[in-house]
PDB file of N, CA and C in Angstrom:
ATOM      1  N   UNK A   1      22.640  -8.157   8.131  1.00  0.00           N
ATOM      2  CA  UNK A   1      21.055  -8.428   7.473  1.00  0.00           C
ATOM      3  C   UNK A   1      21.211  -7.096   6.364  1.00  0.00           C
ATOM      4  N   UNK A   2      21.263  -7.286   5.459  1.00  0.00           N
ATOM      5  CA  UNK A   2      20.701  -5.868   4.592  1.00  0.00           C
ATOM      6  C   UNK A   2      19.980  -4.950   5.038  1.00  0.00           C
ATOM      7  N   UNK A   3      19.983  -3.638   5.025  1.00  0.00           N
ATOM      8  CA  UNK A   3      18.920  -3.135   5.596  1.00  0.00           C
ATOM      9  C   UNK A   3      17.114  -3.223   4.681  1.00  0.00           C
ATOM     10  N   UNK A   4      17.441  -3.619   3.319  1.00  0.00           N
ATOM     11  CA  UNK A   4      16.480  -3.727   2.813  1.00  0.00           C
ATOM     12  C   UNK A   4      15.603  -4.986   3.218  1.00  0.00           C
ATOM     13  N   UNK A   5      16.066  -6.189   3.140  1.00  0.00           N
ATOM     14  CA  UNK A   5      15.893  -6.966   3.626  1.00  0.00           C
ATOM     15  C   UNK A   5      15.578  -7.037   5.215  1.00  0.00           C
ATOM     16  N   UNK A   6      16.015  -6.080   5.916  1.00  0.00           N
ATOM     17  CA  UNK A   6      15.888  -5.976   7.158  1.00  0.00           C
ATOM     18  C   UNK A   6      14.338  -5.138   7.384  1.00  0.00           C
ATOM     19  N   UNK A   7      14.206  -4.089   6.680  1.00  0.00           N
ATOM     20  CA  UNK A   7      12.939  -3.683   6.199  1.00  0.00           C
ATOM     21  C   UNK A   7      11.470  -4.431   5.958  1.00  0.00           C
ATOM     22  N   UNK A   8      11.779  -5.118   5.017  1.00  0.00           N
ATOM     23  CA  UNK A   8      11.225  -6.378   4.429  1.00  0.00           C
ATOM     24  C   UNK A   8      10.607  -7.149   5.487  1.00  0.00           C
ATOM     25  N   UNK A   9      11.580  -7.481   6.370  1.00  0.00           N
ATOM     26  CA  UNK A   9      10.867  -8.877   7.475  1.00  0.00           C
ATOM     27  C   UNK A   9      10.028  -7.632   8.427  1.00  0.00           C
ATOM     28  N   UNK A  10      10.606  -6.781   8.711  1.00  0.00           N
ATOM     29  CA  UNK A  10       9.736  -5.679   9.867  1.00  0.00           C
ATOM     30  C   UNK A  10       8.527  -5.511   9.440  1.00  0.00           C
ATOM     31  N   UNK A  11       8.132  -5.155   8.311  1.00  0.00           N
ATOM     32  CA  UNK A  11       7.045  -5.154   7.349  1.00  0.00           C
ATOM     33  C   UNK A  11       6.164  -5.966   8.137  1.00  0.00           C
ATOM     34  N   UNK A  12       6.678  -7.428   7.135  1.00  0.00           N
ATOM     35  CA  UNK A  12       5.966  -8.888   6.982  1.00  0.00           C
ATOM     36  C   UNK A  12       5.706  -8.824   8.221  1.00  0.00           C
ATOM     37  N   UNK A  13       6.641  -9.079   9.718  1.00  0.00           N
ATOM     38  CA  UNK A  13       6.167  -9.299  11.055  1.00  0.00           C
ATOM     39  C   UNK A  13       5.167  -8.299  11.555  1.00  0.00           C
ATOM     40  N   UNK A  14       4.961  -7.289  11.155  1.00  0.00           N
ATOM     41  CA  UNK A  14       4.048  -6.542  11.417  1.00  0.00           C
ATOM     42  C   UNK A  14       2.652  -6.666  11.005  1.00  0.00           C
ATOM     43  N   UNK A  15       2.791  -7.189   9.598  1.00  0.00           N
ATOM     44  CA  UNK A  15       1.581  -7.440   8.809  1.00  0.00           C
ATOM     45  C   UNK A  15       0.883  -8.489   9.634  1.00  0.00           C
ATOM     46  N   UNK A  16       2.095  -9.148  10.063  1.00  0.00           N
ATOM     47  CA  UNK A  16       1.063 -11.165  10.756  1.00  0.00           C
ATOM     48  C   UNK A  16       0.783 -10.351  11.535  1.00  0.00           C
ATOM     49  N   UNK A  17       1.283  -9.765  12.481  1.00  0.00           N
ATOM     50  CA  UNK A  17       0.793  -9.398  13.708  1.00  0.00           C
ATOM     51  C   UNK A  17      -0.694  -8.464  13.529  1.00  0.00           C
ATOM     52  N   UNK A  18      -0.798  -7.822  12.701  1.00  0.00           N
ATOM     53  CA  UNK A  18      -1.817  -6.989  12.261  1.00  0.00           C
ATOM     54  C   UNK A  18      -3.105  -8.254  12.069  1.00  0.00           C
ATOM     55  N   UNK A  19      -2.452  -8.972  11.517  1.00  0.00           N
ATOM     56  CA  UNK A  19      -3.534 -10.222  10.865  1.00  0.00           C
ATOM     57  C   UNK A  19      -4.316 -10.743  12.013  1.00  0.00           C
ATOM     58  N   UNK A  20      -3.388 -11.230  12.842  1.00  0.00           N
ATOM     59  CA  UNK A  20      -3.600 -12.009  14.180  1.00  0.00           C
ATOM     60  C   UNK A  20      -4.588 -11.089  14.677  1.00  0.00           C
ATOM     61  N   UNK A  21      -4.229  -9.834  14.706  1.00  0.00           N
ATOM     62  CA  UNK A  21      -4.853  -9.069  15.869  1.00  0.00           C
ATOM     63  C   UNK A  21      -6.544  -8.499  15.017  1.00  0.00           C
ATOM     64  N   UNK A  22      -6.617  -8.714  13.880  1.00  0.00           N
ATOM     65  CA  UNK A  22      -7.676  -8.375  12.885  1.00  0.00           C
ATOM     66  C   UNK A  22      -8.301  -9.760  13.150  1.00  0.00           C
ATOM     67  N   UNK A  23      -8.116 -10.710  13.162  1.00  0.00           N
ATOM     68  CA  UNK A  23      -8.865 -11.919  12.953  1.00  0.00           C
ATOM     69  C   UNK A  23      -9.328 -12.140  14.251  1.00  0.00           C
ATOM     70  N   UNK A  24      -8.880 -11.760  15.615  1.00  0.00           N
ATOM     71  CA  UNK A  24      -9.303 -11.642  16.724  1.00  0.00           C
ATOM     72  C   UNK A  24     -10.624 -10.523  17.172  1.00  0.00           C
ATOM     73  N   UNK A  25     -10.113  -9.201  16.381  1.00  0.00           N
ATOM     74  CA  UNK A  25     -11.712  -8.240  16.500  1.00  0.00           C
ATOM     75  C   UNK A  25     -12.533  -8.760  15.443  1.00  0.00           C
ATOM     76  N   UNK A  26     -12.119  -9.358  14.207  1.00  0.00           N
ATOM     77  CA  UNK A  26     -13.357  -9.790  13.525  1.00  0.00           C
ATOM     78  C   UNK A  26     -14.065 -10.969  13.776  1.00  0.00           C
ATOM     79  N   UNK A  27     -13.579 -11.896  14.759  1.00  0.00           N
ATOM     80  CA  UNK A  27     -14.206 -13.017  15.458  1.00  0.00           C
ATOM     81  C   UNK A  27     -15.553 -12.526  16.397  1.00  0.00           C
ATOM     82  N   UNK A  28     -14.923 -11.195  16.806  1.00  0.00           N
ATOM     83  CA  UNK A  28     -15.514 -10.827  18.367  1.00  0.00           C
ATOM     84  C   UNK A  28     -16.461  -9.942  17.589  1.00  0.00           C
ATOM     85  N   UNK A  29     -16.600  -9.444  16.610  1.00  0.00           N
ATOM     86  CA  UNK A  29     -17.709  -8.657  15.563  1.00  0.00           C
ATOM     87  C   UNK A  29     -18.361  -8.992  15.066  1.00  0.00           C
ATOM     88  N   UNK A  30     -18.182 -10.339  15.026  1.00  0.00           N
ATOM     89  CA  UNK A  30     -19.170 -11.411  14.121  1.00  0.00           C
ATOM     90  C   UNK A  30     -19.871 -12.139  15.039  1.00  0.00           C
ATOM     91  N   UNK A  31     -19.137 -12.249  16.232  1.00  0.00           N
ATOM     92  CA  UNK A  31     -19.969 -12.914  17.476  1.00  0.00           C
ATOM     93  C   UNK A  31     -21.012 -11.934  17.859  1.00  0.00           C
ATOM     94  N   UNK A  32     -20.787 -10.853  17.693  1.00  0.00           N
ATOM     95  CA  UNK A  32     -21.875  -9.802  18.236  1.00  0.00           C
ATOM     96  C   UNK A  32     -22.981  -9.013  17.071  1.00  0.00           C
ATOM     97  N   UNK A  33     -23.046  -9.986  16.020  1.00  0.00           N
ATOM     98  CA  UNK A  33     -23.930  -9.647  14.852  1.00  0.00           C
ATOM     99  C   UNK A  33     -23.415  -9.054  13.651  1.00  0.00           C
ATOM    100  N   UNK A  34     -21.524  -8.712  13.424  1.00  0.00           N
ATOM    101  CA  UNK A  34     -21.533  -7.899  12.341  1.00  0.00           C
ATOM    102  C   UNK A  34     -21.376  -8.919  11.177  1.00  0.00           C
ATOM    103  N   UNK A  35     -21.717  -8.198  10.038  1.00  0.00           N
ATOM    104  CA  UNK A  35     -21.777  -8.751   8.613  1.00  0.00           C
ATOM    105  C   UNK A  35     -20.832  -8.175   7.977  1.00  0.00           C
ATOM    106  N   UNK A  36     -19.927  -9.392   7.457  1.00  0.00           N
ATOM    107  CA  UNK A  36     -18.904  -8.744   6.202  1.00  0.00           C
ATOM    108  C   UNK A  36     -19.148  -8.818   4.847  1.00  0.00           C
ATOM    109  N   UNK A  37     -18.873  -7.466   4.534  1.00  0.00           N
ATOM    110  CA  UNK A  37     -19.578  -7.402   2.952  1.00  0.00           C
ATOM    111  C   UNK A  37     -18.171  -7.442   2.010  1.00  0.00           C
ATOM    112  N   UNK A  38     -18.409  -7.965   0.932  1.00  0.00           N
ATOM    113  CA  UNK A  38     -17.150  -7.853  -0.105  1.00  0.00           C
ATOM    114  C   UNK A  38     -16.226  -9.170   0.828  1.00  0.00           C
ATOM    115  N   UNK A  39     -16.775 -10.209   0.829  1.00  0.00           N
ATOM    116  CA  UNK A  39     -15.635 -11.269   1.624  1.00  0.00           C
ATOM    117  C   UNK A  39     -14.456 -11.812   0.337  1.00  0.00           C
ATOM    118  N   UNK A  40     -15.358 -12.337  -0.625  1.00  0.00           N
ATOM    119  CA  UNK A  40     -14.832 -12.619  -1.866  1.00  0.00           C
ATOM    120  C   UNK A  40     -13.632 -11.762  -2.429  1.00  0.00           C
ATOM    121  N   UNK A  41     -12.988 -10.514  -2.131  1.00  0.00           N
ATOM    122  CA  UNK A  41     -11.978  -9.836  -2.504  1.00  0.00           C
ATOM    123  C   UNK A  41     -10.711  -9.924  -1.602  1.00  0.00           C
ATOM    124  N   UNK A  42     -11.213 -10.501  -0.333  1.00  0.00           N
ATOM    125  CA  UNK A  42      -9.958 -10.473   0.560  1.00  0.00           C
ATOM    126  C   UNK A  42      -9.033 -10.999   0.469  1.00  0.00           C
ATOM    127  N   UNK A  43      -8.757 -12.460  -0.582  1.00  0.00           N
ATOM    128  CA  UNK A  43      -7.799 -12.894  -0.509  1.00  0.00           C
ATOM    129  C   UNK A  43      -6.896 -12.118  -1.868  1.00  0.00           C
ATOM    130  N   UNK A  44      -7.753 -11.062  -2.250  1.00  0.00           N
ATOM    131  CA  UNK A  44      -6.837 -10.474  -3.628  1.00  0.00           C
ATOM    132  C   UNK A  44      -6.270  -9.279  -2.719  1.00  0.00           C
ATOM    133  N   UNK A  45      -6.877  -9.077  -1.581  1.00  0.00           N
ATOM    134  CA  UNK A  45      -5.986  -8.295  -0.506  1.00  0.00           C
ATOM    135  C   UNK A  45      -5.043  -8.350  -0.273  1.00  0.00           C
ATOM    136  N   UNK A  46      -4.880  -9.490   0.572  1.00  0.00           N
ATOM    137  CA  UNK A  46      -3.991 -10.478   0.970  1.00  0.00           C
ATOM    138  C   UNK A  46      -2.851 -10.556   0.055  1.00  0.00           C
ATOM    139  N   UNK A  47      -2.875 -10.856  -1.220  1.00  0.00           N
ATOM    140  CA  UNK A  47      -1.639 -11.174  -2.356  1.00  0.00           C
ATOM    141  C   UNK A  47      -1.271 -10.024  -2.428  1.00  0.00           C
ATOM    142  N   UNK A  48      -2.051  -9.218  -2.608  1.00  0.00           N
ATOM    143  CA  UNK A  48      -1.487  -7.528  -3.046  1.00  0.00           C
ATOM    144  C   UNK A  48      -0.500  -7.051  -2.302  1.00  0.00           C
ATOM    145  N   UNK A  49      -0.581  -6.920  -0.775  1.00  0.00           N
ATOM    146  CA  UNK A  49       0.336  -6.941   0.058  1.00  0.00           C
ATOM    147  C   UNK A  49       1.432  -7.990  -0.151  1.00  0.00           C
ATOM    148  N   UNK A  50       1.481  -9.097   0.008  1.00  0.00           N
ATOM    149  CA  UNK A  50       2.370 -10.188  -0.484  1.00  0.00           C
ATOM    150  C   UNK A  50       3.223 -10.079  -1.267  1.00  0.00           C
ATOM    151  N   UNK A  51       2.646  -9.704  -2.324  1.00  0.00           N
ATOM    152  CA  UNK A  51       2.963  -9.506  -3.865  1.00  0.00           C
ATOM    153  C   UNK A  51       4.041  -8.107  -3.672  1.00  0.00           C
ATOM    154  N   UNK A  52       3.452  -6.999  -2.821  1.00  0.00           N
ATOM    155  CA  UNK A  52       4.460  -6.393  -2.541  1.00  0.00           C
ATOM    156  C   UNK A  52       5.228  -6.150  -1.897  1.00  0.00           C
ATOM    157  N   UNK A  53       5.632  -6.971  -1.066  1.00  0.00           N
ATOM    158  CA  UNK A  53       6.509  -7.433  -0.203  1.00  0.00           C
ATOM    159  C   UNK A  53       7.769  -8.186  -0.918  1.00  0.00           C
ATOM    160  N   UNK A  54       7.098  -9.178  -1.931  1.00  0.00           N
ATOM    161  CA  UNK A  54       7.861 -10.028  -2.543  1.00  0.00           C
ATOM    162  C   UNK A  54       8.735  -9.469  -3.825  1.00  0.00           C
ATOM    163  N   UNK A  55       8.004  -8.485  -4.541  1.00  0.00           N
ATOM    164  CA  UNK A  55       8.370  -7.324  -5.391  1.00  0.00           C
ATOM    165  C   UNK A  55       9.484  -6.494  -4.636  1.00  0.00           C
ATOM    166  N   UNK A  56       9.551  -6.112  -3.820  1.00  0.00           N
ATOM    167  CA  UNK A  56      10.629  -5.689  -2.978  1.00  0.00           C
ATOM    168  C   UNK A  56      11.677  -6.131  -2.962  1.00  0.00           C
ATOM    169  N   UNK A  57      11.654  -7.701  -2.492  1.00  0.00           N
ATOM    170  CA  UNK A  57      12.926  -8.345  -2.264  1.00  0.00           C
ATOM    171  C   UNK A  57      12.993  -8.427  -3.653  1.00  0.00           C
ATOM    172  N   UNK A  58      12.713  -8.950  -4.688  1.00  0.00           N
ATOM    173  CA  UNK A  58      13.093  -9.147  -6.119  1.00  0.00           C
ATOM    174  C   UNK A  58      13.630  -8.381  -6.812  1.00  0.00           C
ATOM    175  N   UNK A  59      12.828  -7.091  -6.867  1.00  0.00           N
ATOM    176  CA  UNK A  59      13.143  -5.562  -7.752  1.00  0.00           C
ATOM    177  C   UNK A  59      13.769  -4.979  -7.625  1.00  0.00           C
ATOM    178  N   UNK A  60      14.321  -4.423  -6.099  1.00  0.00           N
ATOM    179  CA  UNK A  60      14.779  -3.269  -5.392  1.00  0.00           C
ATOM    180  C   UNK A  60      16.682  -3.920  -5.280  1.00  0.00           C
ATOM    181  N   UNK A  61      17.625  -3.304  -5.824  1.00  0.00           N
ATOM    182  CA  UNK A  61      19.076  -3.757  -5.413  1.00  0.00           C
ATOM    183  C   UNK A  61      18.905  -3.604  -4.003  1.00  0.00           C
ATOM    184  N   UNK A  62      19.722  -4.456  -3.923  1.00  0.00           N
ATOM    185  CA  UNK A  62      19.728  -4.607  -2.270  1.00  0.00           C
ATOM    186  C   UNK A  62      20.978  -3.656  -1.700  1.00  0.00           C
ATOM    187  N   UNK A  63      21.789  -2.969  -2.724  1.00  0.00           N
ATOM    188  CA  UNK A  63      22.932  -2.057  -2.732  1.00  0.00           C
ATOM    189  C   UNK A  63      22.782  -0.232  -2.879  1.00  0.00           C
ATOM    190  N   UNK A  64      21.037  -0.409  -3.551  1.00  0.00           N
ATOM    191  CA  UNK A  64      20.791   0.925  -3.720  1.00  0.00           C
ATOM    192  C   UNK A  64      20.600   1.680  -2.285  1.00  0.00           C
ATOM    193  N   UNK A  65      20.799   2.989  -2.433  1.00  0.00           N
ATOM    194  CA  UNK A  65      20.524   3.872  -1.224  1.00  0.00           C
ATOM    195  C   UNK A  65      19.356   3.983  -1.284  1.00  0.00           C
ATOM    196  N   UNK A  66      18.640   4.388  -0.101  1.00  0.00           N
ATOM    197  CA  UNK A  66      17.159   4.677   0.347  1.00  0.00           C
ATOM    198  C   UNK A  66      17.182   6.139   0.174  1.00  0.00           C
ATOM    199  N   UNK A  67      15.842   6.601  -0.315  1.00  0.00           N
ATOM    200  CA  UNK A  67      15.736   7.877  -0.392  1.00  0.00           C
ATOM    201  C   UNK A  67      15.188   8.619   0.886  1.00  0.00           C
ATOM    202  N   UNK A  68      15.686   9.484   1.872  1.00  0.00           N
ATOM    203  CA  UNK A  68      15.520   9.737   2.895  1.00  0.00           C
ATOM    204  C   UNK A  68      14.030  10.138   2.645  1.00  0.00           C
ATOM    205  N   UNK A  69      13.676  11.368   1.754  1.00  0.00           N
ATOM    206  CA  UNK A  69      12.375  11.693   2.072  1.00  0.00           C
ATOM    207  C   UNK A  69      11.235  10.880   2.142  1.00  0.00           C
ATOM    208  N   UNK A  70      11.309   9.675   1.200  1.00  0.00           N
ATOM    209  CA  UNK A  70      10.473   8.807   0.996  1.00  0.00           C
ATOM    210  C   UNK A  70      10.631   7.785   2.013  1.00  0.00           C
ATOM    211  N   UNK A  71      11.735   7.672   2.663  1.00  0.00           N
ATOM    212  CA  UNK A  71      11.644   6.635   3.943  1.00  0.00           C
ATOM    213  C   UNK A  71      10.989   7.551   4.753  1.00  0.00           C
ATOM    214  N   UNK A  72      11.324   8.854   4.911  1.00  0.00           N
ATOM    215  CA  UNK A  72      10.622   9.505   5.809  1.00  0.00           C
ATOM    216  C   UNK A  72       9.172   9.636   5.732  1.00  0.00           C
ATOM    217  N   UNK A  73       8.600   9.909   4.875  1.00  0.00           N
ATOM    218  CA  UNK A  73       7.698   9.664   4.468  1.00  0.00           C
ATOM    219  C   UNK A  73       6.730   8.118   4.749  1.00  0.00           C
ATOM    220  N   UNK A  74       7.223   7.165   4.430  1.00  0.00           N
ATOM    221  CA  UNK A  74       6.780   5.756   4.646  1.00  0.00           C
ATOM    222  C   UNK A  74       6.673   5.898   6.116  1.00  0.00           C
ATOM    223  N   UNK A  75       7.733   6.369   6.973  1.00  0.00           N
ATOM    224  CA  UNK A  75       7.331   6.078   8.274  1.00  0.00           C
ATOM    225  C   UNK A  75       6.671   6.652   9.341  1.00  0.00           C
ATOM    226  N   UNK A  76       6.215   7.870   8.155  1.00  0.00           N
ATOM    227  CA  UNK A  76       5.154   8.754   8.722  1.00  0.00           C
ATOM    228  C   UNK A  76       3.426   8.037   8.554  1.00  0.00           C
ATOM    229  N   UNK A  77       3.651   7.623   7.410  1.00  0.00           N
ATOM    230  CA  UNK A  77       2.387   6.801   7.050  1.00  0.00           C
ATOM    231  C   UNK A  77       2.058   5.873   8.104  1.00  0.00           C
ATOM    232  N   UNK A  78       3.382   5.065   8.484  1.00  0.00           N
ATOM    233  CA  UNK A  78       2.933   4.216   9.111  1.00  0.00           C
ATOM    234  C   UNK A  78       2.520   4.667  10.699  1.00  0.00           C
ATOM    235  N   UNK A  79       2.881   5.511  10.888  1.00  0.00           N
ATOM    236  CA  UNK A  79       2.725   6.114  12.175  1.00  0.00           C
ATOM    237  C   UNK A  79       0.803   6.242  12.128  1.00  0.00           C
ATOM    238  N   UNK A  80       0.629   6.994  11.009  1.00  0.00           N
ATOM    239  CA  UNK A  80      -0.476   7.314  10.463  1.00  0.00           C
ATOM    240  C   UNK A  80      -1.741   5.800  10.606  1.00  0.00           C
ATOM    241  N   UNK A  81      -1.367   4.899  10.128  1.00  0.00           N
ATOM    242  CA  UNK A  81      -2.249   3.629  10.274  1.00  0.00           C
ATOM    243  C   UNK A  81      -2.094   3.331  11.625  1.00  0.00           C
ATOM    244  N   UNK A  82      -0.878   3.345  12.473  1.00  0.00           N
ATOM    245  CA  UNK A  82      -1.279   2.705  13.750  1.00  0.00           C
ATOM    246  C   UNK A  82      -2.013   3.561  14.912  1.00  0.00           C
ATOM    247  N   UNK A  83      -2.232   4.693  14.027  1.00  0.00           N
ATOM    248  CA  UNK A  83      -3.130   5.919  14.999  1.00  0.00           C
ATOM    249  C   UNK A  83      -4.483   5.685  14.650  1.00  0.00           C
ATOM    250  N   UNK A  84      -4.536   4.915  13.326  1.00  0.00           N
ATOM    251  CA  UNK A  84      -5.839   4.318  13.028  1.00  0.00           C
ATOM    252  C   UNK A  84      -6.341   3.201  13.574  1.00  0.00           C
ATOM    253  N   UNK A  85      -5.391   2.586  13.746  1.00  0.00           N
ATOM    254  CA  UNK A  85      -5.469   0.914  14.327  1.00  0.00           C
ATOM    255  C   UNK A  85      -5.981   1.162  15.943  1.00  0.00           C
ATOM    256  N   UNK A  86      -5.060   2.036  16.458  1.00  0.00           N
ATOM    257  CA  UNK A  86      -5.240   2.293  17.933  1.00  0.00           C
ATOM    258  C   UNK A  86      -6.808   3.011  18.086  1.00  0.00           C
ATOM    259  N   UNK A  87      -7.076   4.047  17.292  1.00  0.00           N
ATOM    260  CA  UNK A  87      -8.493   4.810  17.529  1.00  0.00           C
ATOM    261  C   UNK A  87      -9.380   3.778  17.438  1.00  0.00           C
ATOM    262  N   UNK A  88      -9.742   3.158  16.163  1.00  0.00           N
ATOM    263  CA  UNK A  88     -10.718   2.170  16.031  1.00  0.00           C
ATOM    264  C   UNK A  88     -10.794   0.961  16.961  1.00  0.00           C
ATOM    265  N   UNK A  89      -9.651   0.644  17.642  1.00  0.00           N
ATOM    266  CA  UNK A  89      -9.439  -0.251  18.953  1.00  0.00           C
ATOM    267  C   UNK A  89     -10.434  -1.793  18.522  1.00  0.00           C
ATOM    268  N   UNK A  90     -11.066  -2.128  19.408  1.00  0.00           N
ATOM    269  CA  UNK A  90     -11.619  -3.645  18.679  1.00  0.00           C
ATOM    270  C   UNK A  90     -12.477  -3.250  17.475  1.00  0.00           C
ATOM    271  N   UNK A  91     -12.748  -2.533  16.708  1.00  0.00           N
ATOM    272  CA  UNK A  91     -13.482  -2.300  15.187  1.00  0.00           C
ATOM    273  C   UNK A  91     -12.693  -2.173  14.560  1.00  0.00           C
ATOM    274  N   UNK A  92     -11.476  -2.279  14.710  1.00  0.00           N
ATOM    275  CA  UNK A  92     -10.350  -2.458  13.299  1.00  0.00           C
ATOM    276  C   UNK A  92     -10.046  -3.858  13.045  1.00  0.00           C
ATOM    277  N   UNK A  93     -10.303  -4.290  11.825  1.00  0.00           N
ATOM    278  CA  UNK A  93     -10.107  -5.388  11.490  1.00  0.00           C
ATOM    279  C   UNK A  93      -9.324  -5.318   9.708  1.00  0.00           C
ATOM    280  N   UNK A  94      -8.768  -6.012   8.884  1.00  0.00           N
ATOM    281  CA  UNK A  94      -8.185  -5.674   8.025  1.00  0.00           C
ATOM    282  C   UNK A  94      -9.204  -5.735   6.749  1.00  0.00           C
ATOM    283  N   UNK A  95     -10.362  -5.974   7.268  1.00  0.00           N
ATOM    284  CA  UNK A  95     -11.705  -6.828   6.300  1.00  0.00           C
ATOM    285  C   UNK A  95     -12.467  -5.344   6.050  1.00  0.00           C
TER     286      UNK A  95
END
Protein backbone atom coordinates (compact mmCIF):
# COMPACT_ATOMS: atom_id res chain seq x y z
CA UNK A 1 0.00 0.00 0.00
CA UNK A 2 1.20 3.49 -0.80
CA UNK A 3 2.53 5.28 2.33
CA UNK A 4 0.14 8.21 1.81
CA UNK A 5 -2.89 5.97 1.69
CA UNK A 6 -1.60 3.94 4.62
CA UNK A 7 -1.35 7.16 6.65
CA UNK A 8 -4.86 8.20 5.65
CA UNK A 9 -6.24 4.79 6.63
CA UNK A 10 -4.37 4.94 9.95
CA UNK A 11 -5.68 8.43 10.73
CA UNK A 12 -9.24 7.43 9.76
CA UNK A 13 -9.05 4.32 11.94
CA UNK A 14 -7.78 6.35 14.90
CA UNK A 15 -10.56 8.90 14.43
CA UNK A 16 -13.18 6.12 14.39
CA UNK A 17 -11.79 4.70 17.63
CA UNK A 18 -11.84 8.20 19.11
CA UNK A 19 -15.47 8.68 18.03
CA UNK A 20 -16.46 5.44 19.79
CA UNK A 21 -14.53 6.46 22.92
CA UNK A 22 -16.07 9.92 22.80
CA UNK A 23 -19.60 8.56 22.40
CA UNK A 24 -19.10 6.36 25.45
CA UNK A 25 -17.77 9.28 27.48
CA UNK A 26 -20.60 11.54 26.26
CA UNK A 27 -23.24 9.02 27.33
CA UNK A 28 -21.67 8.75 30.78
CA UNK A 29 -21.41 12.52 31.18
CA UNK A 30 -24.99 13.10 30.01
CA UNK A 31 -26.21 10.44 32.45
CA UNK A 32 -24.57 12.48 35.22
CA UNK A 33 -26.28 15.68 34.13
CA UNK A 34 -23.85 17.20 31.62
CA UNK A 35 -25.30 19.62 29.08
CA UNK A 36 -23.96 19.89 25.55
CA UNK A 37 -23.56 23.41 24.23
CA UNK A 38 -23.45 24.07 20.50
CA UNK A 39 -24.65 20.63 19.39
CA UNK A 40 -25.84 21.93 16.02
CA UNK A 41 -22.29 22.57 14.80
CA UNK A 42 -21.03 19.06 15.59
CA UNK A 43 -21.95 17.57 12.16
CA UNK A 44 -19.88 20.35 10.54
CA UNK A 45 -16.92 19.39 12.71
CA UNK A 46 -17.24 15.76 11.60
CA UNK A 47 -17.56 16.85 7.95
CA UNK A 48 -14.44 19.00 8.30
CA UNK A 49 -12.36 16.06 9.48
CA UNK A 50 -13.81 13.75 6.82
CA UNK A 51 -13.20 16.40 4.17
CA UNK A 52 -9.60 16.80 5.33
CA UNK A 53 -8.95 13.08 4.87
CA UNK A 54 -10.74 13.04 1.52
CA UNK A 55 -8.74 16.07 0.33
CA UNK A 56 -5.51 14.30 1.28
CA UNK A 57 -6.54 11.27 -0.79
CA UNK A 58 -7.68 13.31 -3.79
CA UNK A 59 -5.22 16.19 -4.01
CA UNK A 60 -1.86 14.91 -2.78
CA UNK A 61 0.20 13.14 -5.39
CA UNK A 62 0.82 9.63 -4.01
CA UNK A 63 4.31 9.74 -5.54
CA UNK A 64 5.20 12.95 -3.69
CA UNK A 65 7.99 12.76 -1.14
CA UNK A 66 6.91 13.55 2.41
CA UNK A 67 8.56 16.48 4.15
CA UNK A 68 10.37 14.95 7.14
CA UNK A 69 9.97 18.04 9.32
CA UNK A 70 6.25 18.35 8.69
CA UNK A 71 5.72 14.63 9.19
CA UNK A 72 7.66 14.82 12.46
CA UNK A 73 5.64 17.85 13.59
CA UNK A 74 2.43 15.99 12.75
CA UNK A 75 3.62 13.01 14.81
CA UNK A 76 4.45 15.23 17.78
CA UNK A 77 1.06 16.94 17.57
CA UNK A 78 -0.64 13.53 17.53
CA UNK A 79 1.28 12.59 20.68
CA UNK A 80 0.10 15.85 22.25
CA UNK A 81 -3.50 15.01 21.27
CA UNK A 82 -3.12 11.59 22.85
CA UNK A 83 -1.76 13.16 26.02
CA UNK A 84 -4.79 15.47 26.22
CA UNK A 85 -7.20 12.57 25.66
CA UNK A 86 -5.50 10.53 28.38
CA UNK A 87 -5.25 13.48 30.77
CA UNK A 88 -8.96 14.29 30.44
CA UNK A 89 -9.91 10.63 30.76
CA UNK A 90 -13.67 10.10 30.96
CA UNK A 91 -14.24 13.86 30.61
CA UNK A 92 -12.82 13.91 27.06
CA UNK A 93 -15.26 13.95 24.16
CA UNK A 94 -15.17 15.21 20.60
CA UNK A 95 -18.12 17.38 21.50
